[in-house]
Amino acid sequence: MVLSDCYSLANEQSGHARLGDPRRTRRLVSLTSSLAQHAGLSIVKSSHFTAQVEGAYRLIRNPSVSP
Protein backbone atom coordinates (compact mmCIF):
# COMPACT_ATOMS: atom_id res chain seq x y z
CA MET A 1 0.00 0.00 0.00
CA VAL A 2 1.24 3.50 -0.82
CA LEU A 3 2.30 5.66 2.14
CA SER A 4 -0.30 8.37 1.45
CA ASP A 5 -3.05 5.73 1.19
CA CYS A 6 -1.91 4.18 4.48
CA TYR A 7 -1.91 7.53 6.22
CA SER A 8 -5.33 8.45 4.80
CA LEU A 9 -6.80 5.13 5.91
CA ALA A 10 -5.22 5.40 9.37
CA ASN A 11 -6.43 8.97 9.78
CA GLU A 12 -9.93 8.02 8.66
CA GLN A 13 -10.09 5.08 11.07
CA SER A 14 -8.22 6.51 14.07
CA GLY A 15 -8.02 10.27 13.63
CA HIS A 16 -11.15 10.96 15.67
CA ALA A 17 -10.15 8.83 18.65
CA ARG A 18 -10.54 10.64 21.96
CA LEU A 19 -7.49 9.63 23.93
CA GLY A 20 -7.31 12.58 26.32
CA ASP A 21 -4.47 14.33 24.48
CA PRO A 22 -4.19 15.17 20.77
CA ARG A 23 -0.60 13.89 20.75
CA ARG A 24 -1.87 10.40 21.59
CA THR A 25 -4.28 10.56 18.66
CA ARG A 26 -1.45 11.65 16.34
CA ARG A 27 0.71 8.81 17.67
CA LEU A 28 -2.13 6.33 17.05
CA VAL A 29 -2.56 7.53 13.46
CA SER A 30 1.19 7.34 12.90
CA LEU A 31 1.37 3.85 14.39
CA THR A 32 -1.58 2.46 12.43
CA SER A 33 -0.25 4.03 9.24
CA SER A 34 3.15 2.42 9.76
CA LEU A 35 1.61 -0.97 10.52
CA ALA A 36 -0.63 -0.73 7.44
CA GLN A 37 2.35 0.15 5.26
CA HIS A 38 4.30 -2.82 6.63
CA ALA A 39 1.47 -5.34 6.97
CA GLY A 40 2.43 -8.45 8.88
CA LEU A 41 5.46 -6.93 10.60
CA SER A 42 5.85 -6.17 14.28
CA ILE A 43 5.91 -2.66 15.70
CA VAL A 44 9.69 -2.88 15.96
CA LYS A 45 10.18 -3.99 12.36
CA SER A 46 7.64 -1.55 10.93
CA SER A 47 9.19 1.47 12.69
CA HIS A 48 12.09 3.41 11.24
CA PHE A 49 13.35 4.95 14.48
CA THR A 50 13.75 3.83 18.08
CA ALA A 51 11.64 6.81 19.18
CA GLN A 52 8.72 5.48 17.12
CA VAL A 53 8.95 2.12 18.86
CA GLU A 54 9.14 3.72 22.30
CA GLY A 55 6.22 6.02 21.51
CA ALA A 56 4.10 3.13 20.28
CA TYR A 57 4.70 1.09 23.41
CA ARG A 58 4.07 4.11 25.66
CA LEU A 59 0.75 4.60 23.86
CA ILE A 60 -0.22 0.94 24.29
CA ARG A 61 0.72 0.91 28.00
CA ASN A 62 -1.00 4.22 28.76
CA PRO A 63 -3.90 3.67 31.20
CA SER A 64 -5.86 6.47 29.48
CA VAL A 65 -5.93 4.45 26.26
CA SER A 66 -8.28 1.51 25.95
CA PRO A 67 -9.81 -0.38 23.00
PDB file of N, CA and C in Angstrom:
ATOM      1  N   MET A   1       0.846  -1.170   0.000  1.00  0.00           N
ATOM      2  CA  MET A   1       0.000   0.000   0.000  1.00  0.00           C
ATOM      3  C   MET A   1       0.898   1.242   0.000  1.00  0.00           C
ATOM      4  N   VAL A   2       0.484   2.255  -0.716  1.00  0.00           N
ATOM      5  CA  VAL A   2       1.240   3.497  -0.817  1.00  0.00           C
ATOM      6  C   VAL A   2       1.140   4.269   0.501  1.00  0.00           C
ATOM      7  N   LEU A   3       2.232   4.937   0.860  1.00  0.00           N
ATOM      8  CA  LEU A   3       2.300   5.656   2.138  1.00  0.00           C
ATOM      9  C   LEU A   3       1.130   6.615   2.326  1.00  0.00           C
ATOM     10  N   SER A   4       0.800   7.409   1.302  1.00  0.00           N
ATOM     11  CA  SER A   4      -0.296   8.374   1.453  1.00  0.00           C
ATOM     12  C   SER A   4      -1.626   7.666   1.662  1.00  0.00           C
ATOM     13  N   ASP A   5      -1.825   6.514   0.993  1.00  0.00           N
ATOM     14  CA  ASP A   5      -3.049   5.733   1.195  1.00  0.00           C
ATOM     15  C   ASP A   5      -3.104   5.188   2.617  1.00  0.00           C
ATOM     16  N   CYS A   6      -1.976   4.706   3.112  1.00  0.00           N
ATOM     17  CA  CYS A   6      -1.913   4.176   4.479  1.00  0.00           C
ATOM     18  C   CYS A   6      -2.235   5.263   5.489  1.00  0.00           C
ATOM     19  N   TYR A   7      -1.660   6.439   5.290  1.00  0.00           N
ATOM     20  CA  TYR A   7      -1.914   7.533   6.222  1.00  0.00           C
ATOM     21  C   TYR A   7      -3.376   7.953   6.160  1.00  0.00           C
ATOM     22  N   SER A   8      -3.930   8.058   4.950  1.00  0.00           N
ATOM     23  CA  SER A   8      -5.335   8.449   4.805  1.00  0.00           C
ATOM     24  C   SER A   8      -6.257   7.453   5.485  1.00  0.00           C
ATOM     25  N   LEU A   9      -5.994   6.166   5.286  1.00  0.00           N
ATOM     26  CA  LEU A   9      -6.801   5.126   5.915  1.00  0.00           C
ATOM     27  C   LEU A   9      -6.675   5.191   7.438  1.00  0.00           C
ATOM     28  N   ALA A  10      -5.453   5.325   7.925  1.00  0.00           N
ATOM     29  CA  ALA A  10      -5.225   5.397   9.373  1.00  0.00           C
ATOM     30  C   ALA A  10      -5.904   6.623   9.968  1.00  0.00           C
ATOM     31  N   ASN A  11      -5.810   7.745   9.284  1.00  0.00           N
ATOM     32  CA  ASN A  11      -6.430   8.973   9.779  1.00  0.00           C
ATOM     33  C   ASN A  11      -7.949   8.848   9.774  1.00  0.00           C
ATOM     34  N   GLU A  12      -8.488   8.222   8.739  1.00  0.00           N
ATOM     35  CA  GLU A  12      -9.934   8.019   8.655  1.00  0.00           C
ATOM     36  C   GLU A  12     -10.430   7.109   9.782  1.00  0.00           C
ATOM     37  N   GLN A  13      -9.678   6.055  10.066  1.00  0.00           N
ATOM     38  CA  GLN A  13     -10.089   5.078  11.068  1.00  0.00           C
ATOM     39  C   GLN A  13      -9.792   5.521  12.502  1.00  0.00           C
ATOM     40  N   SER A  14      -8.690   6.219  12.712  1.00  0.00           N
ATOM     41  CA  SER A  14      -8.223   6.510  14.074  1.00  0.00           C
ATOM     42  C   SER A  14      -8.129   7.992  14.408  1.00  0.00           C
ATOM     43  N   GLY A  15      -8.258   8.844  13.425  1.00  0.00           N
ATOM     44  CA  GLY A  15      -8.024  10.268  13.626  1.00  0.00           C
ATOM     45  C   GLY A  15      -9.001  10.970  14.547  1.00  0.00           C
ATOM     46  N   HIS A  16     -10.149  10.344  14.807  1.00  0.00           N
ATOM     47  CA  HIS A  16     -11.152  10.962  15.673  1.00  0.00           C
ATOM     48  C   HIS A  16     -11.177  10.335  17.067  1.00  0.00           C
ATOM     49  N   ALA A  17     -10.202   9.485  17.338  1.00  0.00           N
ATOM     50  CA  ALA A  17     -10.146   8.830  18.654  1.00  0.00           C
ATOM     51  C   ALA A  17      -9.940   9.878  19.744  1.00  0.00           C
ATOM     52  N   ARG A  18     -10.659   9.730  20.824  1.00  0.00           N
ATOM     53  CA  ARG A  18     -10.537  10.642  21.962  1.00  0.00           C
ATOM     54  C   ARG A  18      -9.692   9.949  23.019  1.00  0.00           C
ATOM     55  N   LEU A  19      -8.431  10.296  23.043  1.00  0.00           N
ATOM     56  CA  LEU A  19      -7.488   9.629  23.933  1.00  0.00           C
ATOM     57  C   LEU A  19      -6.995  10.541  25.047  1.00  0.00           C
ATOM     58  N   GLY A  20      -7.653  11.689  25.223  1.00  0.00           N
ATOM     59  CA  GLY A  20      -7.309  12.585  26.317  1.00  0.00           C
ATOM     60  C   GLY A  20      -6.227  13.595  25.994  1.00  0.00           C
ATOM     61  N   ASP A  21      -5.548  13.422  24.885  1.00  0.00           N
ATOM     62  CA  ASP A  21      -4.466  14.325  24.484  1.00  0.00           C
ATOM     63  C   ASP A  21      -4.300  14.176  22.972  1.00  0.00           C
ATOM     64  N   PRO A  22      -4.303  15.274  22.233  1.00  0.00           N
ATOM     65  CA  PRO A  22      -4.188  15.169  20.772  1.00  0.00           C
ATOM     66  C   PRO A  22      -2.889  14.506  20.305  1.00  0.00           C
ATOM     67  N   ARG A  23      -1.854  14.553  21.128  1.00  0.00           N
ATOM     68  CA  ARG A  23      -0.599  13.887  20.754  1.00  0.00           C
ATOM     69  C   ARG A  23      -0.779  12.375  20.716  1.00  0.00           C
ATOM     70  N   ARG A  24      -1.609  11.847  21.600  1.00  0.00           N
ATOM     71  CA  ARG A  24      -1.874  10.405  21.585  1.00  0.00           C
ATOM     72  C   ARG A  24      -2.602  10.011  20.303  1.00  0.00           C
ATOM     73  N   THR A  25      -3.546  10.846  19.897  1.00  0.00           N
ATOM     74  CA  THR A  25      -4.276  10.557  18.659  1.00  0.00           C
ATOM     75  C   THR A  25      -3.324  10.598  17.471  1.00  0.00           C
ATOM     76  N   ARG A  26      -2.440  11.579  17.427  1.00  0.00           N
ATOM     77  CA  ARG A  26      -1.455  11.646  16.336  1.00  0.00           C
ATOM     78  C   ARG A  26      -0.541  10.431  16.357  1.00  0.00           C
ATOM     79  N   ARG A  27      -0.142   9.993  17.538  1.00  0.00           N
ATOM     80  CA  ARG A  27       0.708   8.808  17.670  1.00  0.00           C
ATOM     81  C   ARG A  27      -0.041   7.579  17.163  1.00  0.00           C
ATOM     82  N   LEU A  28      -1.326   7.462  17.504  1.00  0.00           N
ATOM     83  CA  LEU A  28      -2.129   6.330  17.052  1.00  0.00           C
ATOM     84  C   LEU A  28      -2.236   6.315  15.532  1.00  0.00           C
ATOM     85  N   VAL A  29      -2.482   7.456  14.923  1.00  0.00           N
ATOM     86  CA  VAL A  29      -2.564   7.535  13.462  1.00  0.00           C
ATOM     87  C   VAL A  29      -1.221   7.158  12.847  1.00  0.00           C
ATOM     88  N   SER A  30      -0.145   7.667  13.397  1.00  0.00           N
ATOM     89  CA  SER A  30       1.194   7.341  12.902  1.00  0.00           C
ATOM     90  C   SER A  30       1.480   5.848  13.019  1.00  0.00           C
ATOM     91  N   LEU A  31       1.134   5.269  14.157  1.00  0.00           N
ATOM     92  CA  LEU A  31       1.372   3.847  14.387  1.00  0.00           C
ATOM     93  C   LEU A  31       0.548   2.990  13.431  1.00  0.00           C
ATOM     94  N   THR A  32      -0.740   3.277  13.311  1.00  0.00           N
ATOM     95  CA  THR A  32      -1.577   2.461  12.429  1.00  0.00           C
ATOM     96  C   THR A  32      -1.181   2.635  10.971  1.00  0.00           C
ATOM     97  N   SER A  33      -0.734   3.813  10.598  1.00  0.00           N
ATOM     98  CA  SER A  33      -0.245   4.033   9.237  1.00  0.00           C
ATOM     99  C   SER A  33       0.998   3.196   8.963  1.00  0.00           C
ATOM    100  N   SER A  34       1.922   3.201   9.902  1.00  0.00           N
ATOM    101  CA  SER A  34       3.154   2.425   9.755  1.00  0.00           C
ATOM    102  C   SER A  34       2.861   0.932   9.682  1.00  0.00           C
ATOM    103  N   LEU A  35       1.955   0.455  10.532  1.00  0.00           N
ATOM    104  CA  LEU A  35       1.606  -0.966  10.522  1.00  0.00           C
ATOM    105  C   LEU A  35       0.880  -1.350   9.233  1.00  0.00           C
ATOM    106  N   ALA A  36       0.058  -0.452   8.703  1.00  0.00           N
ATOM    107  CA  ALA A  36      -0.628  -0.729   7.435  1.00  0.00           C
ATOM    108  C   ALA A  36       0.367  -0.778   6.281  1.00  0.00           C
ATOM    109  N   GLN A  37       1.339   0.108   6.318  1.00  0.00           N
ATOM    110  CA  GLN A  37       2.346   0.145   5.256  1.00  0.00           C
ATOM    111  C   GLN A  37       3.229  -1.096   5.291  1.00  0.00           C
ATOM    112  N   HIS A  38       3.447  -1.646   6.463  1.00  0.00           N
ATOM    113  CA  HIS A  38       4.304  -2.821   6.631  1.00  0.00           C
ATOM    114  C   HIS A  38       3.481  -3.977   7.196  1.00  0.00           C
ATOM    115  N   ALA A  39       2.411  -4.316   6.498  1.00  0.00           N
ATOM    116  CA  ALA A  39       1.469  -5.341   6.971  1.00  0.00           C
ATOM    117  C   ALA A  39       2.196  -6.640   7.307  1.00  0.00           C
ATOM    118  N   GLY A  40       1.859  -7.186   8.454  1.00  0.00           N
ATOM    119  CA  GLY A  40       2.429  -8.452   8.883  1.00  0.00           C
ATOM    120  C   GLY A  40       3.693  -8.329   9.710  1.00  0.00           C
ATOM    121  N   LEU A  41       4.248  -7.123   9.806  1.00  0.00           N
ATOM    122  CA  LEU A  41       5.462  -6.932  10.599  1.00  0.00           C
ATOM    123  C   LEU A  41       5.108  -6.447  12.002  1.00  0.00           C
ATOM    124  N   SER A  42       6.028  -6.632  12.904  1.00  0.00           N
ATOM    125  CA  SER A  42       5.845  -6.168  14.278  1.00  0.00           C
ATOM    126  C   SER A  42       6.019  -4.651  14.344  1.00  0.00           C
ATOM    127  N   ILE A  43       5.699  -4.094  15.495  1.00  0.00           N
ATOM    128  CA  ILE A  43       5.907  -2.662  15.703  1.00  0.00           C
ATOM    129  C   ILE A  43       7.380  -2.322  15.518  1.00  0.00           C
ATOM    130  N   VAL A  44       8.253  -3.133  16.059  1.00  0.00           N
ATOM    131  CA  VAL A  44       9.695  -2.879  15.965  1.00  0.00           C
ATOM    132  C   VAL A  44      10.147  -2.878  14.507  1.00  0.00           C
ATOM    133  N   LYS A  45       9.724  -3.872  13.753  1.00  0.00           N
ATOM    134  CA  LYS A  45      10.178  -3.986  12.363  1.00  0.00           C
ATOM    135  C   LYS A  45       9.499  -2.990  11.431  1.00  0.00           C
ATOM    136  N   SER A  46       8.329  -2.501  11.792  1.00  0.00           N
ATOM    137  CA  SER A  46       7.635  -1.547  10.928  1.00  0.00           C
ATOM    138  C   SER A  46       8.029  -0.103  11.232  1.00  0.00           C
ATOM    139  N   SER A  47       8.763   0.117  12.306  1.00  0.00           N
ATOM    140  CA  SER A  47       9.187   1.467  12.692  1.00  0.00           C
ATOM    141  C   SER A  47      10.585   1.754  12.156  1.00  0.00           C
ATOM    142  N   HIS A  48      10.797   3.014  11.795  1.00  0.00           N
ATOM    143  CA  HIS A  48      12.092   3.410  11.243  1.00  0.00           C
ATOM    144  C   HIS A  48      13.055   3.908  12.314  1.00  0.00           C
ATOM    145  N   PHE A  49      12.520   4.349  13.440  1.00  0.00           N
ATOM    146  CA  PHE A  49      13.346   4.945  14.478  1.00  0.00           C
ATOM    147  C   PHE A  49      12.993   4.359  15.844  1.00  0.00           C
ATOM    148  N   THR A  50      13.967   4.321  16.725  1.00  0.00           N
ATOM    149  CA  THR A  50      13.749   3.831  18.083  1.00  0.00           C
ATOM    150  C   THR A  50      12.678   4.650  18.792  1.00  0.00           C
ATOM    151  N   ALA A  51      12.643   5.950  18.542  1.00  0.00           N
ATOM    152  CA  ALA A  51      11.644   6.813  19.180  1.00  0.00           C
ATOM    153  C   ALA A  51      10.228   6.406  18.785  1.00  0.00           C
ATOM    154  N   GLN A  52      10.039   5.945  17.551  1.00  0.00           N
ATOM    155  CA  GLN A  52       8.716   5.482  17.119  1.00  0.00           C
ATOM    156  C   GLN A  52       8.299   4.240  17.895  1.00  0.00           C
ATOM    157  N   VAL A  53       9.232   3.339  18.100  1.00  0.00           N
ATOM    158  CA  VAL A  53       8.947   2.116  18.857  1.00  0.00           C
ATOM    159  C   VAL A  53       8.588   2.475  20.298  1.00  0.00           C
ATOM    160  N   GLU A  54       9.390   3.316  20.917  1.00  0.00           N
ATOM    161  CA  GLU A  54       9.140   3.717  22.302  1.00  0.00           C
ATOM    162  C   GLU A  54       7.799   4.429  22.436  1.00  0.00           C
ATOM    163  N   GLY A  55       7.495   5.309  21.490  1.00  0.00           N
ATOM    164  CA  GLY A  55       6.217   6.021  21.511  1.00  0.00           C
ATOM    165  C   GLY A  55       5.037   5.083  21.351  1.00  0.00           C
ATOM    166  N   ALA A  56       5.177   4.102  20.486  1.00  0.00           N
ATOM    167  CA  ALA A  56       4.104   3.126  20.275  1.00  0.00           C
ATOM    168  C   ALA A  56       3.837   2.335  21.544  1.00  0.00           C
ATOM    169  N   TYR A  57       4.883   1.862  22.187  1.00  0.00           N
ATOM    170  CA  TYR A  57       4.698   1.087  23.412  1.00  0.00           C
ATOM    171  C   TYR A  57       4.197   1.947  24.567  1.00  0.00           C
ATOM    172  N   ARG A  58       4.610   3.207  24.629  1.00  0.00           N
ATOM    173  CA  ARG A  58       4.066   4.110  25.657  1.00  0.00           C
ATOM    174  C   ARG A  58       2.561   4.302  25.438  1.00  0.00           C
ATOM    175  N   LEU A  59       2.165   4.441  24.177  1.00  0.00           N
ATOM    176  CA  LEU A  59       0.747   4.596  23.862  1.00  0.00           C
ATOM    177  C   LEU A  59      -0.039   3.360  24.289  1.00  0.00           C
ATOM    178  N   ILE A  60       0.469   2.193  23.964  1.00  0.00           N
ATOM    179  CA  ILE A  60      -0.216   0.939  24.289  1.00  0.00           C
ATOM    180  C   ILE A  60      -0.328   0.743  25.801  1.00  0.00           C
ATOM    181  N   ARG A  61       0.716   1.099  26.535  1.00  0.00           N
ATOM    182  CA  ARG A  61       0.723   0.914  27.997  1.00  0.00           C
ATOM    183  C   ARG A  61      -0.041   1.999  28.755  1.00  0.00           C
ATOM    184  N   ASN A  62      -0.374   3.088  28.093  1.00  0.00           N
ATOM    185  CA  ASN A  62      -0.998   4.224  28.764  1.00  0.00           C
ATOM    186  C   ASN A  62      -2.371   3.839  29.311  1.00  0.00           C
ATOM    187  N   PRO A  63      -2.611   4.042  30.610  1.00  0.00           N
ATOM    188  CA  PRO A  63      -3.896   3.668  31.197  1.00  0.00           C
ATOM    189  C   PRO A  63      -5.072   4.494  30.666  1.00  0.00           C
ATOM    190  N   SER A  64      -4.797   5.638  30.053  1.00  0.00           N
ATOM    191  CA  SER A  64      -5.863   6.466  29.482  1.00  0.00           C
ATOM    192  C   SER A  64      -6.332   5.948  28.133  1.00  0.00           C
ATOM    193  N   VAL A  65      -5.612   4.995  27.584  1.00  0.00           N
ATOM    194  CA  VAL A  65      -5.930   4.453  26.261  1.00  0.00           C
ATOM    195  C   VAL A  65      -6.489   3.051  26.435  1.00  0.00           C
ATOM    196  N   SER A  66      -7.675   2.839  25.893  1.00  0.00           N
ATOM    197  CA  SER A  66      -8.278   1.506  25.951  1.00  0.00           C
ATOM    198  C   SER A  66      -8.978   1.233  24.621  1.00  0.00           C
ATOM    199  N   PRO A  67      -9.175  -0.039  24.287  1.00  0.00           N
ATOM    200  CA  PRO A  67      -9.811  -0.379  23.002  1.00  0.00           C
ATOM    201  C   PRO A  67     -11.228   0.145  22.888  1.00  0.00           C
TER     202      PRO A  67
END
